[in-house]
Amino acid sequence: MLGEHIWLGRDFTAEDEQPGKNQVAILSNRLWREHYGADADIIGRQIRMDSRPYTVIGVMPPGPSDRLPAQVWTPLAFTVDQQSNHGARSLLITGRLKPGITLAQAQQQMNTIADDLARRFPNTNTGVSASVELLQNNFLDRDTTVNLWLLLAAVSFVVLMACVNVANLLLARGTTRRREMAVRSSLGATAMQLFRQMLIESLVLAAAGGILAMSVWILQGVLILLPPGTLPAESDPQVWMSRRR
């Protein structure tokens, strides 16, 4: 539903959601690498959680799921007692709107369902409703968003100043090398040869300053250093070096 596909193995099926058939698990890519050594033969093996055996059926791809507090997922298989417990509200639900359905219409339908539950189960559902909102609203609060935009503006200004300084240095260096260029020209160097020399020197300088090419590894290092919970698990920060597939 969120656009992620299973890295290894398979996803849950409707059969896995039945009590007694729910002893299957999907691992995060981080857990698979760090605890199981990225063993491709993990599919079909059993692991134990809470002294109960679970069969590994899949591994998630690297990315947002690695930052979730939970690193193992099992299917929801509600028992009869759980289904009759109308006061339990420990689940957060994410869903997709049907085509043509607005957020207001979805909220109205949830209000209708909540009112019906309140009439049927007044002891546990009176005054309880549901709020439907966009998933992006759960990412960052407004103050954090504003601060990030200010940080982006400050970093962009610093980069712009660095570019201006480098351009000034190149112009100043070119002025001091006029005599050198004149000597080379008098010795038979053509304009194309002089241009090629300056171009190569500029490319070497650009390559030396091209640490931005390492930004992918820098970003990964920053993500590792961030305290847990700093970024929402659904976010996937990355450097776009080319058009995404």
C-alpha atoms as a PDB file:
ATOM      1  CA  MET A   1       0.000   0.000   0.000  1.00  0.00           C
ATOM      2  CA  LEU A   2       2.912   2.366   0.704  1.00  0.00           C
ATOM      3  CA  GLY A   3       4.721   1.334  -2.475  1.00  0.00           C
ATOM      4  CA  GLU A   4       7.288  -0.975  -0.878  1.00  0.00           C
ATOM      5  CA  HIS A   5       7.814  -4.426  -2.300  1.00  0.00           C
ATOM      6  CA  ILE A   6       9.131  -7.537  -0.614  1.00  0.00           C
ATOM      7  CA  TRP A   7      12.927  -7.868  -1.037  1.00  0.00           C
ATOM      8  CA  LEU A   8      13.010 -11.624  -0.534  1.00  0.00           C
ATOM      9  CA  GLY A   9      10.232 -14.172  -0.230  1.00  0.00           C
ATOM     10  CA  ARG A  10       6.568 -13.194  -0.193  1.00  0.00           C
ATOM     11  CA  ASP A  11       4.056 -10.961   1.527  1.00  0.00           C
ATOM     12  CA  PHE A  12       1.264 -12.009   3.881  1.00  0.00           C
ATOM     13  CA  THR A  13      -1.815 -13.687   2.417  1.00  0.00           C
ATOM     14  CA  ALA A  14      -5.396 -13.879   3.656  1.00  0.00           C
ATOM     15  CA  GLU A  15      -4.711 -17.397   4.900  1.00  0.00           C
ATOM     16  CA  ASP A  16      -1.910 -16.104   7.152  1.00  0.00           C
ATOM     17  CA  GLU A  17      -4.445 -13.921   8.995  1.00  0.00           C
ATOM     18  CA  GLN A  18      -6.371 -16.883  10.361  1.00  0.00           C
ATOM     19  CA  PRO A  19      -5.725 -17.940  13.981  1.00  0.00           C
ATOM     20  CA  GLY A  20      -3.411 -20.925  14.041  1.00  0.00           C
ATOM     21  CA  LYS A  21      -1.919 -20.084  10.660  1.00  0.00           C
ATOM     22  CA  ASN A  22      -0.365 -16.782  11.648  1.00  0.00           C
ATOM     23  CA  GLN A  23       3.001 -18.166  12.825  1.00  0.00           C
ATOM     24  CA  VAL A  24       4.828 -16.474   9.948  1.00  0.00           C
ATOM     25  CA  ALA A  25       7.047 -13.398  10.000  1.00  0.00           C
ATOM     26  CA  ILE A  26       8.621 -10.779   7.723  1.00  0.00           C
ATOM     27  CA  LEU A  27      11.984  -9.306   8.722  1.00  0.00           C
ATOM     28  CA  SER A  28      13.293  -5.813   8.150  1.00  0.00           C
ATOM     29  CA  ASN A  29      16.308  -5.534   5.888  1.00  0.00           C
ATOM     30  CA  ARG A  30      18.396  -4.159   8.770  1.00  0.00           C
ATOM     31  CA  LEU A  31      17.596  -7.097  11.041  1.00  0.00           C
ATOM     32  CA  TRP A  32      18.235  -9.513   8.192  1.00  0.00           C
ATOM     33  CA  ARG A  33      21.686  -8.000   7.551  1.00  0.00           C
ATOM     34  CA  GLU A  34      22.814  -7.352  11.121  1.00  0.00           C
ATOM     35  CA  HIS A  35      21.429 -10.430  12.885  1.00  0.00           C
ATOM     36  CA  TYR A  36      21.242 -13.036  10.120  1.00  0.00           C
ATOM     37  CA  GLY A  37      24.238 -11.998   8.007  1.00  0.00           C
ATOM     38  CA  ALA A  38      22.127 -11.237   4.902  1.00  0.00           C
ATOM     39  CA  ASP A  39      21.562 -14.971   4.473  1.00  0.00           C
ATOM     40  CA  ALA A  40      19.421 -15.466   1.369  1.00  0.00           C
ATOM     41  CA  ASP A  41      18.387 -18.894   2.680  1.00  0.00           C
ATOM     42  CA  ILE A  42      16.548 -17.311   5.626  1.00  0.00           C
ATOM     43  CA  ILE A  43      13.229 -17.837   3.813  1.00  0.00           C
ATOM     44  CA  GLY A  44      11.515 -20.879   5.236  1.00  0.00           C
ATOM     45  CA  ARG A  45      13.617 -21.001   8.392  1.00  0.00           C
ATOM     46  CA  GLN A  46      12.113 -20.778  11.854  1.00  0.00           C
ATOM     47  CA  ILE A  47      12.873 -18.104  14.436  1.00  0.00           C
ATOM     48  CA  ARG A  48      11.547 -17.864  17.988  1.00  0.00           C
ATOM     49  CA  MET A  49       9.775 -14.877  19.495  1.00  0.00           C
ATOM     50  CA  ASP A  50       8.167 -14.992  22.935  1.00  0.00           C
ATOM     51  CA  SER A  51       9.099 -18.687  23.025  1.00  0.00           C
ATOM     52  CA  ARG A  52       6.954 -19.341  19.974  1.00  0.00           C
ATOM     53  CA  PRO A  53       8.253 -20.534  16.570  1.00  0.00           C
ATOM     54  CA  TYR A  54       7.662 -18.364  13.498  1.00  0.00           C
ATOM     55  CA  THR A  55       8.532 -19.200   9.911  1.00  0.00           C
ATOM     56  CA  VAL A  56      10.296 -16.415   7.994  1.00  0.00           C
ATOM     57  CA  ILE A  57       8.448 -15.837   4.710  1.00  0.00           C
ATOM     58  CA  GLY A  58       9.914 -12.508   3.590  1.00  0.00           C
ATOM     59  CA  VAL A  59      12.455  -9.722   3.996  1.00  0.00           C
ATOM     60  CA  MET A  60      11.652  -6.029   3.495  1.00  0.00           C
ATOM     61  CA  PRO A  61      13.818  -3.815   1.237  1.00  0.00           C
ATOM     62  CA  PRO A  62      16.284  -1.333   2.758  1.00  0.00           C
ATOM     63  CA  GLY A  63      14.781   2.050   3.509  1.00  0.00           C
ATOM     64  CA  PRO A  64      12.022   3.448   5.706  1.00  0.00           C
ATOM     65  CA  SER A  65      11.113   0.128   7.311  1.00  0.00           C
ATOM     66  CA  ASP A  66      14.624  -0.083   8.803  1.00  0.00           C
ATOM     67  CA  ARG A  67      13.834   2.967  10.967  1.00  0.00           C
ATOM     68  CA  LEU A  68      10.654   1.548  12.468  1.00  0.00           C
ATOM     69  CA  PRO A  69      10.769   0.517  16.135  1.00  0.00           C
ATOM     70  CA  ALA A  70       9.504  -2.916  15.117  1.00  0.00           C
ATOM     71  CA  GLN A  71      11.868  -4.988  12.987  1.00  0.00           C
ATOM     72  CA  VAL A  72       9.686  -8.094  12.658  1.00  0.00           C
ATOM     73  CA  TRP A  73       6.116  -8.186  11.363  1.00  0.00           C
ATOM     74  CA  THR A  74       3.521 -10.875  11.880  1.00  0.00           C
ATOM     75  CA  PRO A  75      -0.051 -10.949  10.526  1.00  0.00           C
ATOM     76  CA  LEU A  76      -3.007  -9.833  12.599  1.00  0.00           C
ATOM     77  CA  ALA A  77      -5.121 -12.832  13.521  1.00  0.00           C
ATOM     78  CA  PHE A  78      -7.790 -11.759  16.009  1.00  0.00           C
ATOM     79  CA  THR A  79      -9.086 -14.318  18.455  1.00  0.00           C
ATOM     80  CA  VAL A  80     -12.719 -14.415  19.538  1.00  0.00           C
ATOM     81  CA  ASP A  81     -11.850 -12.643  22.789  1.00  0.00           C
ATOM     82  CA  GLN A  82     -10.007  -9.897  20.930  1.00  0.00           C
ATOM     83  CA  GLN A  83     -12.898  -9.384  18.547  1.00  0.00           C
ATOM     84  CA  SER A  84     -15.285  -8.949  21.480  1.00  0.00           C
ATOM     85  CA  ASN A  85     -13.010  -6.391  23.211  1.00  0.00           C
ATOM     86  CA  HIS A  86     -14.538  -3.139  21.920  1.00  0.00           C
ATOM     87  CA  GLY A  87     -12.477  -0.959  24.233  1.00  0.00           C
ATOM     88  CA  ALA A  88      -9.095  -1.822  22.703  1.00  0.00           C
ATOM     89  CA  ARG A  89      -7.673   1.099  20.725  1.00  0.00           C
ATOM     90  CA  SER A  90      -4.006   0.254  20.262  1.00  0.00           C
ATOM     91  CA  LEU A  91      -3.882   0.089  16.459  1.00  0.00           C
ATOM     92  CA  LEU A  92      -3.005   2.871  14.035  1.00  0.00           C
ATOM     93  CA  ILE A  93      -4.579   2.351  10.628  1.00  0.00           C
ATOM     94  CA  THR A  94      -3.234   3.581   7.295  1.00  0.00           C
ATOM     95  CA  GLY A  95      -5.361   3.274   4.180  1.00  0.00           C
ATOM     96  CA  ARG A  96      -5.922   4.574   0.665  1.00  0.00           C
ATOM     97  CA  LEU A  97      -8.911   6.608  -0.421  1.00  0.00           C
ATOM     98  CA  LYS A  98     -10.988   5.101  -3.189  1.00  0.00           C
ATOM     99  CA  PRO A  99     -10.859   7.000  -6.504  1.00  0.00           C
ATOM    100  CA  GLY A 100     -13.208   9.977  -6.395  1.00  0.00           C
ATOM    101  CA  ILE A 101     -13.583   9.926  -2.590  1.00  0.00           C
ATOM    102  CA  THR A 102     -12.550  13.091  -0.756  1.00  0.00           C
ATOM    103  CA  LEU A 103     -11.084  13.322   2.708  1.00  0.00           C
ATOM    104  CA  ALA A 104     -14.316  14.914   3.969  1.00  0.00           C
ATOM    105  CA  GLN A 105     -16.386  12.015   2.627  1.00  0.00           C
ATOM    106  CA  ALA A 106     -14.080   9.502   4.294  1.00  0.00           C
ATOM    107  CA  GLN A 107     -14.372  11.408   7.585  1.00  0.00           C
ATOM    108  CA  GLN A 108     -18.161  11.428   7.294  1.00  0.00           C
ATOM    109  CA  GLN A 109     -18.208   7.667   6.766  1.00  0.00           C
ATOM    110  CA  MET A 110     -15.959   7.094   9.767  1.00  0.00           C
ATOM    111  CA  ASN A 111     -18.269   9.277  11.870  1.00  0.00           C
ATOM    112  CA  THR A 112     -21.203   7.140  10.762  1.00  0.00           C
ATOM    113  CA  ILE A 113     -19.359   3.964  11.756  1.00  0.00           C
ATOM    114  CA  ALA A 114     -18.368   5.479  15.115  1.00  0.00           C
ATOM    115  CA  ASP A 115     -21.972   6.526  15.839  1.00  0.00           C
ATOM    116  CA  ASP A 116     -23.198   3.025  15.031  1.00  0.00           C
ATOM    117  CA  LEU A 117     -20.600   1.480  17.365  1.00  0.00           C
ATOM    118  CA  ALA A 118     -21.605   3.918  20.112  1.00  0.00           C
ATOM    119  CA  ARG A 119     -25.236   2.807  19.832  1.00  0.00           C
ATOM    120  CA  ARG A 120     -24.314  -0.893  19.828  1.00  0.00           C
ATOM    121  CA  PHE A 121     -21.670  -0.724  22.552  1.00  0.00           C
ATOM    122  CA  PRO A 122     -22.391   2.324  24.722  1.00  0.00           C
ATOM    123  CA  ASN A 123     -20.171   1.185  27.578  1.00  0.00           C
ATOM    124  CA  THR A 124     -16.982   1.313  25.521  1.00  0.00           C
ATOM    125  CA  ASN A 125     -17.705   3.480  22.480  1.00  0.00           C
ATOM    126  CA  THR A 126     -19.732   6.439  23.726  1.00  0.00           C
ATOM    127  CA  GLY A 127     -17.979   9.665  22.768  1.00  0.00           C
ATOM    128  CA  VAL A 128     -15.349   7.825  20.727  1.00  0.00           C
ATOM    129  CA  SER A 129     -14.807   8.672  17.075  1.00  0.00           C
ATOM    130  CA  ALA A 130     -12.048   8.582  14.449  1.00  0.00           C
ATOM    131  CA  SER A 131     -10.039  11.287  12.720  1.00  0.00           C
ATOM    132  CA  VAL A 132      -9.158  10.916   9.049  1.00  0.00           C
ATOM    133  CA  GLU A 133      -6.173  12.950   7.893  1.00  0.00           C
ATOM    134  CA  LEU A 134      -3.467  12.859   5.266  1.00  0.00           C
ATOM    135  CA  LEU A 135      -0.470  10.675   6.028  1.00  0.00           C
ATOM    136  CA  GLN A 136       1.878  13.577   5.289  1.00  0.00           C
ATOM    137  CA  ASN A 137       0.447  15.417   8.291  1.00  0.00           C
ATOM    138  CA  ASN A 138       2.116  12.846  10.533  1.00  0.00           C
ATOM    139  CA  PHE A 139       5.603  13.488   9.179  1.00  0.00           C
ATOM    140  CA  LEU A 140       6.750  16.771  10.685  1.00  0.00           C
ATOM    141  CA  ASP A 141       5.018  19.503  12.615  1.00  0.00           C
ATOM    142  CA  ARG A 142       4.823  23.026  11.213  1.00  0.00           C
ATOM    143  CA  ASP A 143       7.663  24.451  13.344  1.00  0.00           C
ATOM    144  CA  THR A 144      10.050  21.701  12.256  1.00  0.00           C
ATOM    145  CA  THR A 145       9.099  22.217   8.611  1.00  0.00           C
ATOM    146  CA  VAL A 146       9.773  25.957   8.843  1.00  0.00           C
ATOM    147  CA  ASN A 147      13.118  25.328  10.528  1.00  0.00           C
ATOM    148  CA  LEU A 148      14.126  22.878   7.805  1.00  0.00           C
ATOM    149  CA  TRP A 149      13.289  25.424   5.087  1.00  0.00           C
ATOM    150  CA  LEU A 150      15.361  28.054   6.926  1.00  0.00           C
ATOM    151  CA  LEU A 151      18.236  25.583   7.199  1.00  0.00           C
ATOM    152  CA  LEU A 152      17.984  24.840   3.472  1.00  0.00           C
ATOM    153  CA  ALA A 153      18.070  28.570   2.676  1.00  0.00           C
ATOM    154  CA  ALA A 154      21.133  29.084   4.897  1.00  0.00           C
ATOM    155  CA  VAL A 155      23.007  26.149   3.351  1.00  0.00           C
ATOM    156  CA  SER A 156      22.110  27.324  -0.164  1.00  0.00           C
ATOM    157  CA  PHE A 157      23.449  30.806   0.645  1.00  0.00           C
ATOM    158  CA  VAL A 158      26.724  29.337   1.935  1.00  0.00           C
ATOM    159  CA  VAL A 159      27.106  27.224  -1.211  1.00  0.00           C
ATOM    160  CA  LEU A 160      26.378  30.274  -3.386  1.00  0.00           C
ATOM    161  CA  MET A 161      29.034  32.310  -1.570  1.00  0.00           C
ATOM    162  CA  ALA A 162      31.531  29.470  -2.004  1.00  0.00           C
ATOM    163  CA  CYS A 163      30.826  29.370  -5.752  1.00  0.00           C
ATOM    164  CA  VAL A 164      31.286  33.153  -6.023  1.00  0.00           C
ATOM    165  CA  ASN A 165      34.584  32.986  -4.127  1.00  0.00           C
ATOM    166  CA  VAL A 166      35.904  30.206  -6.356  1.00  0.00           C
ATOM    167  CA  ALA A 167      34.894  32.163  -9.481  1.00  0.00           C
ATOM    168  CA  ASN A 168      36.718  35.246  -8.178  1.00  0.00           C
ATOM    169  CA  LEU A 169      39.823  33.197  -7.434  1.00  0.00           C
ATOM    170  CA  LEU A 170      39.801  31.749 -10.950  1.00  0.00           C
ATOM    171  CA  LEU A 171      39.462  35.227 -12.480  1.00  0.00           C
ATOM    172  CA  ALA A 172      42.287  36.573 -10.310  1.00  0.00           C
ATOM    173  CA  ARG A 173      44.485  33.584 -11.175  1.00  0.00           C
ATOM    174  CA  GLY A 174      43.740  34.059 -14.867  1.00  0.00           C
ATOM    175  CA  THR A 175      44.809  37.708 -14.673  1.00  0.00           C
ATOM    176  CA  THR A 176      48.152  36.835 -13.060  1.00  0.00           C
ATOM    177  CA  ARG A 177      48.800  34.203 -15.748  1.00  0.00           C
ATOM    178  CA  ARG A 178      48.493  36.568 -18.710  1.00  0.00           C
ATOM    179  CA  ARG A 179      52.281  36.672 -19.090  1.00  0.00           C
ATOM    180  CA  GLU A 180      52.455  32.873 -18.971  1.00  0.00           C
ATOM    181  CA  MET A 181      49.805  32.569 -21.656  1.00  0.00           C
ATOM    182  CA  ALA A 182      51.591  35.155 -23.806  1.00  0.00           C
ATOM    183  CA  VAL A 183      54.873  33.216 -23.551  1.00  0.00           C
ATOM    184  CA  ARG A 184      53.146  29.947 -24.441  1.00  0.00           C
ATOM    185  CA  SER A 185      51.457  31.623 -27.411  1.00  0.00           C
ATOM    186  CA  SER A 186      54.768  33.066 -28.642  1.00  0.00           C
ATOM    187  CA  LEU A 187      56.319  29.610 -28.433  1.00  0.00           C
ATOM    188  CA  GLY A 188      53.684  28.275 -30.830  1.00  0.00           C
ATOM    189  CA  ALA A 189      50.759  27.223 -28.637  1.00  0.00           C
ATOM    190  CA  THR A 190      47.468  27.630 -30.449  1.00  0.00           C
ATOM    191  CA  ALA A 191      44.344  29.164 -28.918  1.00  0.00           C
ATOM    192  CA  MET A 192      42.745  25.690 -28.758  1.00  0.00           C
ATOM    193  CA  GLN A 193      45.745  24.313 -26.853  1.00  0.00           C
ATOM    194  CA  LEU A 194      45.615  27.161 -24.357  1.00  0.00           C
ATOM    195  CA  PHE A 195      41.863  26.672 -23.959  1.00  0.00           C
ATOM    196  CA  ARG A 196      42.335  22.943 -23.448  1.00  0.00           C
ATOM    197  CA  GLN A 197      44.917  23.576 -20.725  1.00  0.00           C
ATOM    198  CA  MET A 198      42.626  25.974 -18.850  1.00  0.00           C
ATOM    199  CA  LEU A 199      39.707  23.601 -19.251  1.00  0.00           C
ATOM    200  CA  ILE A 200      41.647  20.648 -17.839  1.00  0.00           C
ATOM    201  CA  GLU A 201      42.837  22.717 -14.874  1.00  0.00           C
ATOM    202  CA  SER A 202      39.250  23.821 -14.176  1.00  0.00           C
ATOM    203  CA  LEU A 203      37.990  20.235 -14.406  1.00  0.00           C
ATOM    204  CA  VAL A 204      40.643  19.072 -11.946  1.00  0.00           C
ATOM    205  CA  LEU A 205      39.578  21.819  -9.550  1.00  0.00           C
ATOM    206  CA  ALA A 206      35.929  20.887 -10.015  1.00  0.00           C
ATOM    207  CA  ALA A 207      36.703  17.222  -9.354  1.00  0.00           C
ATOM    208  CA  ALA A 208      38.605  18.118  -6.200  1.00  0.00           C
ATOM    209  CA  GLY A 209      35.640  20.108  -4.977  1.00  0.00           C
ATOM    210  CA  GLY A 210      33.165  17.462  -6.089  1.00  0.00           C
ATOM    211  CA  ILE A 211      32.663  16.067  -2.627  1.00  0.00           C
ATOM    212  CA  LEU A 212      28.973  16.391  -3.423  1.00  0.00           C
ATOM    213  CA  ALA A 213      29.411  13.130  -5.314  1.00  0.00           C
ATOM    214  CA  MET A 214      29.947  11.541  -1.899  1.00  0.00           C
ATOM    215  CA  SER A 215      26.706  13.007  -0.603  1.00  0.00           C
ATOM    216  CA  VAL A 216      24.978   9.615  -0.759  1.00  0.00           C
ATOM    217  CA  TRP A 217      27.408   8.202   1.831  1.00  0.00           C
ATOM    218  CA  ILE A 218      27.305  11.433   3.829  1.00  0.00           C
ATOM    219  CA  LEU A 219      23.502  11.224   3.960  1.00  0.00           C
ATOM    220  CA  GLN A 220      23.657   7.634   5.147  1.00  0.00           C
ATOM    221  CA  GLY A 221      26.077   8.654   7.892  1.00  0.00           C
ATOM    222  CA  VAL A 222      23.798  11.483   8.999  1.00  0.00           C
ATOM    223  CA  LEU A 223      20.801   9.131   9.119  1.00  0.00           C
ATOM    224  CA  ILE A 224      22.778   6.700  11.281  1.00  0.00           C
ATOM    225  CA  LEU A 225      23.774   9.463  13.708  1.00  0.00           C
ATOM    226  CA  LEU A 226      20.255  10.866  14.064  1.00  0.00           C
ATOM    227  CA  PRO A 227      18.529   9.883  17.322  1.00  0.00           C
ATOM    228  CA  PRO A 228      15.674   7.395  16.918  1.00  0.00           C
ATOM    229  CA  GLY A 229      12.358   9.060  16.165  1.00  0.00           C
ATOM    230  CA  THR A 230      13.897  12.220  14.642  1.00  0.00           C
ATOM    231  CA  LEU A 231      12.500  11.361  11.222  1.00  0.00           C
ATOM    232  CA  PRO A 232       9.160   9.675  10.578  1.00  0.00           C
ATOM    233  CA  ALA A 233       9.570   6.063   9.569  1.00  0.00           C
ATOM    234  CA  GLU A 234       7.586   6.673   6.369  1.00  0.00           C
ATOM    235  CA  SER A 235      10.102   9.228   5.076  1.00  0.00           C
ATOM    236  CA  ASP A 236      12.916   8.107   2.799  1.00  0.00           C
ATOM    237  CA  PRO A 237      15.620  10.825   2.541  1.00  0.00           C
ATOM    238  CA  GLN A 238      17.847  10.340  -0.479  1.00  0.00           C
ATOM    239  CA  VAL A 239      20.009  12.209  -2.965  1.00  0.00           C
ATOM    240  CA  TRP A 240      18.547  12.218  -6.439  1.00  0.00           C
ATOM    241  CA  MET A 241      21.561  11.587  -8.673  1.00  0.00           C
ATOM    242  CA  SER A 242      19.301  10.583 -11.546  1.00  0.00           C
ATOM    243  CA  ARG A 243      15.635  10.120 -12.305  1.00  0.00           C
ATOM    244  CA  ARG A 244      14.047   7.515 -10.091  1.00  0.00           C
ATOM    245  CA  ARG A 245      12.661   4.390 -11.661  1.00  0.00           C
END
